[in-house]
Protein backbone atom coordinates (compact mmCIF):
# COMPACT_ATOMS: atom_id res chain seq x y z
CA MET A 1 31.64 -24.01 24.26
CA ASP A 2 33.35 -21.00 25.82
CA PHE A 3 33.75 -17.77 23.89
CA ALA A 4 36.85 -15.66 24.36
CA PRO A 5 36.53 -11.85 24.63
CA GLU A 6 38.13 -11.48 21.22
CA ASP A 7 35.35 -13.61 19.68
CA ILE A 8 32.71 -11.25 21.07
CA LYS A 9 34.68 -8.26 19.83
CA GLU A 10 34.94 -9.77 16.35
CA ASP A 11 31.16 -10.39 16.26
CA ALA A 12 30.49 -6.76 17.20
CA GLU A 13 32.84 -5.55 14.46
CA VAL A 14 31.06 -7.69 11.87
CA LEU A 15 27.65 -6.40 12.94
CA GLY A 16 28.81 -2.78 13.06
CA PRO A 17 27.32 0.01 15.17
CA TRP A 18 23.66 0.27 16.13
CA LYS A 19 21.85 2.67 13.80
CA ILE A 20 19.94 5.39 15.65
CA LEU A 21 17.64 7.74 13.73
CA ILE A 22 16.91 11.19 15.17
CA VAL A 23 13.82 12.80 13.61
CA ASP A 24 13.41 16.43 14.71
CA ASP A 25 13.19 19.85 13.06
CA ASP A 26 15.31 21.40 15.84
CA VAL A 27 19.03 21.12 14.99
CA ASP A 28 19.94 21.60 18.66
CA VAL A 29 18.08 18.40 19.57
CA HIS A 30 20.24 16.46 17.10
CA ALA A 31 23.42 18.02 18.46
CA VAL A 32 22.62 17.43 22.14
CA THR A 33 21.48 13.85 21.58
CA LYS A 34 24.70 13.00 19.75
CA LEU A 35 26.82 14.72 22.38
CA VAL A 36 25.22 12.79 25.24
CA LEU A 37 25.47 9.44 23.45
CA LYS A 38 28.73 9.81 21.52
CA ASN A 39 30.56 7.15 23.57
CA PHE A 40 27.55 4.92 24.16
CA THR A 41 28.00 1.17 23.62
CA PHE A 42 25.75 -1.85 24.01
CA ASP A 43 26.78 -5.47 23.51
CA GLY A 44 30.19 -4.25 22.43
CA ARG A 45 28.76 -2.15 19.61
CA GLY A 46 28.81 1.63 19.35
CA VAL A 47 26.20 3.82 17.69
CA ARG A 48 25.84 5.49 14.32
CA PHE A 49 23.46 8.43 14.10
CA LEU A 50 21.20 9.15 11.13
CA ASP A 51 19.37 12.47 10.85
CA ALA A 52 16.04 13.65 9.48
CA SER A 53 14.34 17.01 10.02
CA SER A 54 10.85 15.94 8.88
CA GLY A 55 8.63 12.89 8.64
CA SER A 56 8.96 12.70 4.87
CA GLU A 57 12.75 12.89 5.07
CA ALA A 58 12.74 10.17 7.74
CA ILE A 59 10.81 7.83 5.42
CA GLU A 60 13.58 8.03 2.83
CA VAL A 61 16.26 7.39 5.46
CA ILE A 62 14.41 4.33 6.77
CA LYS A 63 13.92 2.93 3.27
CA GLU A 64 17.67 3.19 2.71
CA ASN A 65 18.47 1.75 6.16
CA PRO A 66 16.00 -1.04 7.02
CA ASP A 67 18.27 -2.13 9.89
CA ILE A 68 17.73 0.99 12.01
CA ALA A 69 17.40 -0.18 15.60
CA LEU A 70 15.82 2.91 17.17
CA ALA A 71 14.11 6.06 15.94
CA ILE A 72 13.58 8.98 18.33
CA VAL A 73 10.79 10.98 16.74
CA ASP A 74 9.48 14.47 17.40
CA VAL A 75 5.70 14.77 17.18
CA VAL A 76 5.32 18.27 15.69
CA MET A 77 7.46 18.98 12.62
CA GLU A 78 6.15 19.92 9.16
CA SER A 79 2.68 19.36 10.61
CA ASN A 80 1.18 18.81 14.06
CA MET A 81 0.80 15.11 13.31
CA ALA A 82 4.00 14.51 11.33
CA GLY A 83 5.58 12.26 13.95
CA LEU A 84 2.44 10.17 14.41
CA ASP A 85 1.99 9.88 10.65
CA LEU A 86 5.57 8.61 10.44
CA ILE A 87 4.89 5.98 13.13
CA ASN A 88 1.85 4.76 11.19
CA TYR A 89 3.82 4.59 7.97
CA ILE A 90 6.66 2.57 9.52
CA ARG A 91 4.40 0.04 11.24
CA ASN A 92 1.60 -0.29 8.68
CA ASP A 93 2.95 0.65 5.24
CA LEU A 94 6.52 -0.57 5.62
CA GLY A 95 5.48 -3.41 7.93
CA ASN A 96 8.54 -2.83 10.11
CA SER A 97 7.79 -4.29 13.53
CA LEU A 98 11.42 -4.54 14.67
CA ILE A 99 12.53 -0.91 14.82
CA ARG A 100 11.98 0.61 18.28
CA LEU A 101 10.03 3.86 18.15
CA VAL A 102 10.18 6.56 20.83
CA LEU A 103 8.17 9.76 20.57
CA ARG A 104 9.82 12.85 22.02
CA THR A 105 7.78 16.03 22.15
CA GLY A 106 8.13 19.56 23.41
CA GLN A 107 4.35 20.10 23.18
CA PRO A 108 2.63 17.22 25.03
CA GLY A 109 -0.77 18.90 24.63
CA ASP A 110 -0.70 18.30 20.88
CA ALA A 111 -0.42 14.54 21.39
CA PRO A 112 -1.72 13.41 24.82
CA GLN A 113 0.42 10.59 26.17
CA GLU A 114 -2.33 8.11 27.04
CA VAL A 115 -4.03 8.50 23.67
CA VAL A 116 -0.79 8.11 21.74
CA ILE A 117 0.40 5.04 23.65
CA ARG A 118 -3.05 3.46 23.27
CA ASP A 119 -3.51 4.14 19.56
CA TYR A 120 0.02 3.96 18.13
CA GLU A 121 2.57 1.14 18.18
CA ILE A 122 5.32 3.02 19.97
CA ASP A 123 7.71 1.81 22.65
CA ASP A 124 7.94 4.95 24.76
CA TYR A 125 6.76 8.53 24.97
CA LYS A 126 8.95 11.25 26.46
CA SER A 127 8.69 14.98 26.99
CA LYS A 128 11.84 16.80 25.90
CA THR A 129 12.05 18.46 29.32
CA GLU A 130 12.11 15.12 31.17
CA LEU A 131 14.68 13.38 28.98
CA SER A 132 17.90 14.05 30.90
CA ALA A 133 21.26 12.59 29.85
CA GLN A 134 20.87 9.66 32.25
CA LYS A 135 17.29 8.95 31.15
CA LEU A 136 18.35 9.09 27.52
CA ARG A 137 21.05 6.50 28.15
CA THR A 138 18.58 4.31 30.06
CA LEU A 139 16.20 4.61 27.13
CA MET A 140 18.96 3.46 24.78
CA TYR A 141 19.74 0.35 26.82
CA ALA A 142 16.07 -0.66 27.04
CA SER A 143 15.36 0.00 23.35
CA LEU A 144 18.44 -1.73 21.97
CA ARG A 145 17.96 -4.74 24.23
CA SER A 146 14.39 -5.05 22.97
CA TYR A 147 15.46 -4.64 19.33
CA ARG A 148 18.20 -7.27 19.75
CA ASP A 149 15.80 -9.80 21.27
CA LEU A 150 13.11 -9.18 18.65
CA HIS A 151 15.72 -9.61 15.92
CA ILE A 152 16.70 -12.99 17.39
CA LEU A 153 13.03 -14.02 17.38
CA ASP A 154 12.68 -12.88 13.78
CA ASP A 155 15.74 -14.91 12.77
CA ASN A 156 14.27 -17.93 14.56
CA ARG A 157 11.01 -17.39 12.71
CA LYS A 158 12.80 -17.40 9.37
CA GLY A 159 14.66 -20.57 10.35
CA LEU A 160 11.40 -22.27 11.30
CA GLU A 161 9.85 -21.19 8.00
CA ALA A 162 12.72 -22.90 6.17
CA ILE A 163 12.27 -26.07 8.24
CA ILE A 164 8.51 -26.14 7.70
CA ASP A 165 9.04 -25.57 3.99
CA GLY A 166 11.10 -28.78 3.98
CA LEU A 167 8.11 -30.79 5.21
CA LYS A 168 6.78 -31.23 1.70
CA ASN A 169 9.87 -33.24 0.74
CA LEU A 170 9.43 -35.93 3.41
CA LEU A 171 8.64 -39.35 1.99
CA ASP A 172 6.66 -41.35 4.53
CA THR A 173 3.72 -40.69 6.84
CA GLU A 174 5.48 -41.68 10.06
CA THR A 175 8.34 -39.24 9.44
CA ILE A 176 5.89 -36.49 8.49
CA GLN A 177 3.95 -36.96 11.72
CA SER A 178 7.11 -36.87 13.81
CA PHE A 179 8.40 -33.79 12.04
CA ALA A 180 5.00 -32.08 12.17
CA ASN A 181 4.90 -32.65 15.92
CA ALA A 182 8.37 -31.20 16.50
CA THR A 183 7.74 -28.13 14.38
CA LEU A 184 4.33 -27.58 16.00
CA LEU A 185 6.04 -27.32 19.39
CA GLN A 186 8.51 -24.82 17.95
CA LEU A 187 5.68 -22.88 16.36
CA VAL A 188 3.69 -22.32 19.55
CA SER A 189 6.87 -21.42 21.43
CA LEU A 190 7.95 -18.89 18.83
CA LEU A 191 4.51 -17.28 18.73
CA ARG A 192 4.55 -17.05 22.55
CA LEU A 193 1.31 -19.01 22.82
CA GLY A 194 0.26 -21.58 25.39
CA LYS A 195 1.90 -24.89 24.52
CA HIS A 196 -1.41 -26.69 23.83
CA ALA A 197 -2.01 -27.24 20.12
CA LEU A 198 -3.40 -29.82 17.71
CA PHE A 199 -3.32 -30.31 13.93
CA ALA A 200 -5.94 -32.58 12.39
CA GLU A 201 -7.41 -33.75 9.10
CA LEU A 202 -11.18 -33.88 8.59
CA THR A 203 -12.17 -37.21 7.04
CA GLU A 204 -14.98 -37.84 4.55
CA ASP A 205 -17.17 -39.19 7.38
CA GLU A 206 -16.51 -35.99 9.34
CA GLN A 207 -14.14 -37.50 11.88
CA PHE A 208 -10.87 -35.91 12.97
CA ASN A 209 -7.57 -37.68 12.36
CA VAL A 210 -4.93 -36.08 14.56
CA ILE A 211 -1.58 -35.61 12.81
CA ALA A 212 0.31 -33.69 15.52
CA SER A 213 -0.43 -32.45 19.02
CA VAL A 214 1.49 -30.94 21.92
CA GLY A 215 0.97 -29.87 25.53
CA ALA A 216 -2.24 -30.98 27.22
CA LEU A 217 -3.44 -32.27 23.83
CA ALA A 218 -0.36 -34.45 23.24
CA ASN A 219 -2.16 -37.71 24.07
CA PHE A 220 -4.28 -37.34 20.90
CA GLU A 221 -1.26 -37.57 18.58
CA GLY A 222 -1.66 -40.05 15.73
CA GLN A 223 -5.21 -41.03 16.68
CA LYS A 224 -7.92 -41.44 14.05
CA GLY A 225 -11.59 -40.66 14.54
CA VAL A 226 -10.88 -39.67 18.13
CA ALA A 227 -13.34 -37.76 20.33
CA LEU A 228 -11.60 -34.44 20.85
CA PRO A 229 -12.37 -32.01 23.71
CA LYS A 230 -15.61 -30.10 23.22
CA ALA A 231 -13.83 -26.72 23.04
CA VAL A 232 -11.63 -27.96 20.16
CA VAL A 233 -14.52 -29.56 18.27
CA SER A 234 -16.69 -26.46 18.67
CA SER A 235 -13.88 -24.25 17.34
CA PHE A 236 -13.24 -26.59 14.40
CA GLU A 237 -16.94 -26.70 13.51
CA SER A 238 -17.14 -22.91 13.53
CA ALA A 239 -14.12 -22.61 11.24
CA ILE A 240 -15.51 -25.26 8.87
CA GLN A 241 -18.95 -23.67 8.76
CA ASN A 242 -17.54 -20.21 8.01
CA GLN A 243 -14.65 -21.48 5.87
CA ARG A 244 -12.20 -19.15 7.56
CA HIS A 245 -9.52 -18.79 10.24
CA ILE A 246 -10.44 -17.80 13.79
CA TYR A 247 -8.30 -15.45 15.87
CA ASP A 248 -9.86 -14.59 19.20
CA GLN A 249 -8.81 -14.01 22.81
CA GLU A 250 -8.81 -17.66 23.87
CA HIS A 251 -7.72 -19.67 20.87
CA ILE A 252 -6.65 -19.74 17.23
CA VAL A 253 -8.02 -22.03 14.54
CA SER A 254 -6.34 -22.08 11.16
CA PHE A 255 -8.56 -23.51 8.43
CA PHE A 256 -6.89 -24.92 5.30
CA LYS A 257 -8.39 -26.69 2.28
CA SER A 258 -5.95 -28.50 0.01
CA GLU A 259 -5.96 -28.87 -3.77
CA ARG A 260 -7.58 -32.29 -3.27
CA GLU A 261 -10.40 -30.57 -1.34
CA LYS A 262 -9.34 -32.09 1.97
CA THR A 263 -9.82 -29.97 5.07
CA TYR A 264 -7.08 -29.48 7.67
CA LEU A 265 -7.38 -27.57 10.94
CA LEU A 266 -4.87 -26.26 13.44
CA TYR A 267 -6.04 -25.45 16.97
CA MET A 268 -3.91 -23.40 19.38
CA HIS A 269 -5.07 -22.69 22.91
CA GLU A 270 -4.54 -19.09 24.09
CA SER A 271 -4.02 -16.19 21.79
CA HIS A 272 -2.84 -12.62 21.48
CA ARG A 273 -2.88 -10.05 18.74
CA MET A 274 -1.52 -11.79 15.64
CA ASN A 275 0.51 -9.78 13.16
CA ASN A 276 0.79 -10.71 9.49
CA LYS A 277 4.08 -12.55 10.01
CA ASP A 278 2.51 -14.71 12.73
CA LYS A 279 -0.46 -15.55 10.51
CA ARG A 280 1.82 -16.32 7.58
CA LEU A 281 3.85 -18.77 9.66
CA ILE A 282 0.73 -20.54 10.92
CA GLU A 283 -0.69 -20.85 7.41
CA LEU A 284 2.67 -22.06 6.07
CA TYR A 285 2.66 -24.84 8.65
CA CYS A 286 -0.84 -26.01 7.68
CA GLN A 287 -0.12 -25.80 3.98
CA ASN A 288 3.12 -27.80 4.04
CA VAL A 289 2.03 -30.52 6.45
CA ALA A 290 -1.07 -31.06 4.29
CA LEU A 291 0.98 -31.13 1.11
CA ALA A 292 3.42 -33.64 2.57
CA LEU A 293 0.63 -35.94 3.73
CA GLU A 294 -1.10 -35.88 0.36
CA ARG A 295 2.12 -36.66 -1.49
CA VAL A 296 2.50 -39.92 0.40
CA GLY A 297 -1.24 -40.62 0.64
């Protein structure tokens, strides 16, 4: 389907301008930033500036505007660590992983760049002296593009959660297995993992019945009591022995025990740092596939 220019314009009007938060105790910084970016547009949308002169004030603004796309934060304000404390609060206390965070400081010595980038979940670090008008505009394009793409991923995640939640209402084993396989493929894609995954039930005689599998493990789908690869079996045995999930550099194993005391395990090859939303989605998958299977069992 082709979209006419007026369709794109209408979408931009519905979404409204991008919200940009400036956090700085220097009023001139607010004024100059707004002057440089007053006519800035991205994806057909302009910008709306929000202001805060301290970390504590910024917290209130963010609570009232959870859809802020970018915050440009000074490091030193009411305290030498005010900006860094704000970053920690946004990422850890509010759990906001979408907002793009850029530190801008006039005193780099108070917050060494390498240390800050290593220890804090920020997207960029700029000295006020290096942030020219052109570099500020370039920063805007990069940050808003990243925010837009992350927002799309988050919407896809919510859609997948709704689909997975519907698993429990399926009425026959064959349909459950087919649906579990399709959603497993979506799951590994959304989590940006390698596309090799397997979901299995542990039987009373300690065999593995494979419910769904994708990638290099796809040939195990629907098999009962099958001899799985040693790496998968070893990971499953470790999760069963310790009765817990495993998140390491090479793989993920999600361990789930149902109300009927049946054990289910999800293996995903390759891994990265899992946030709470990722873990929640993985656990939701295990929980609902297991529930669906037991309802028809």
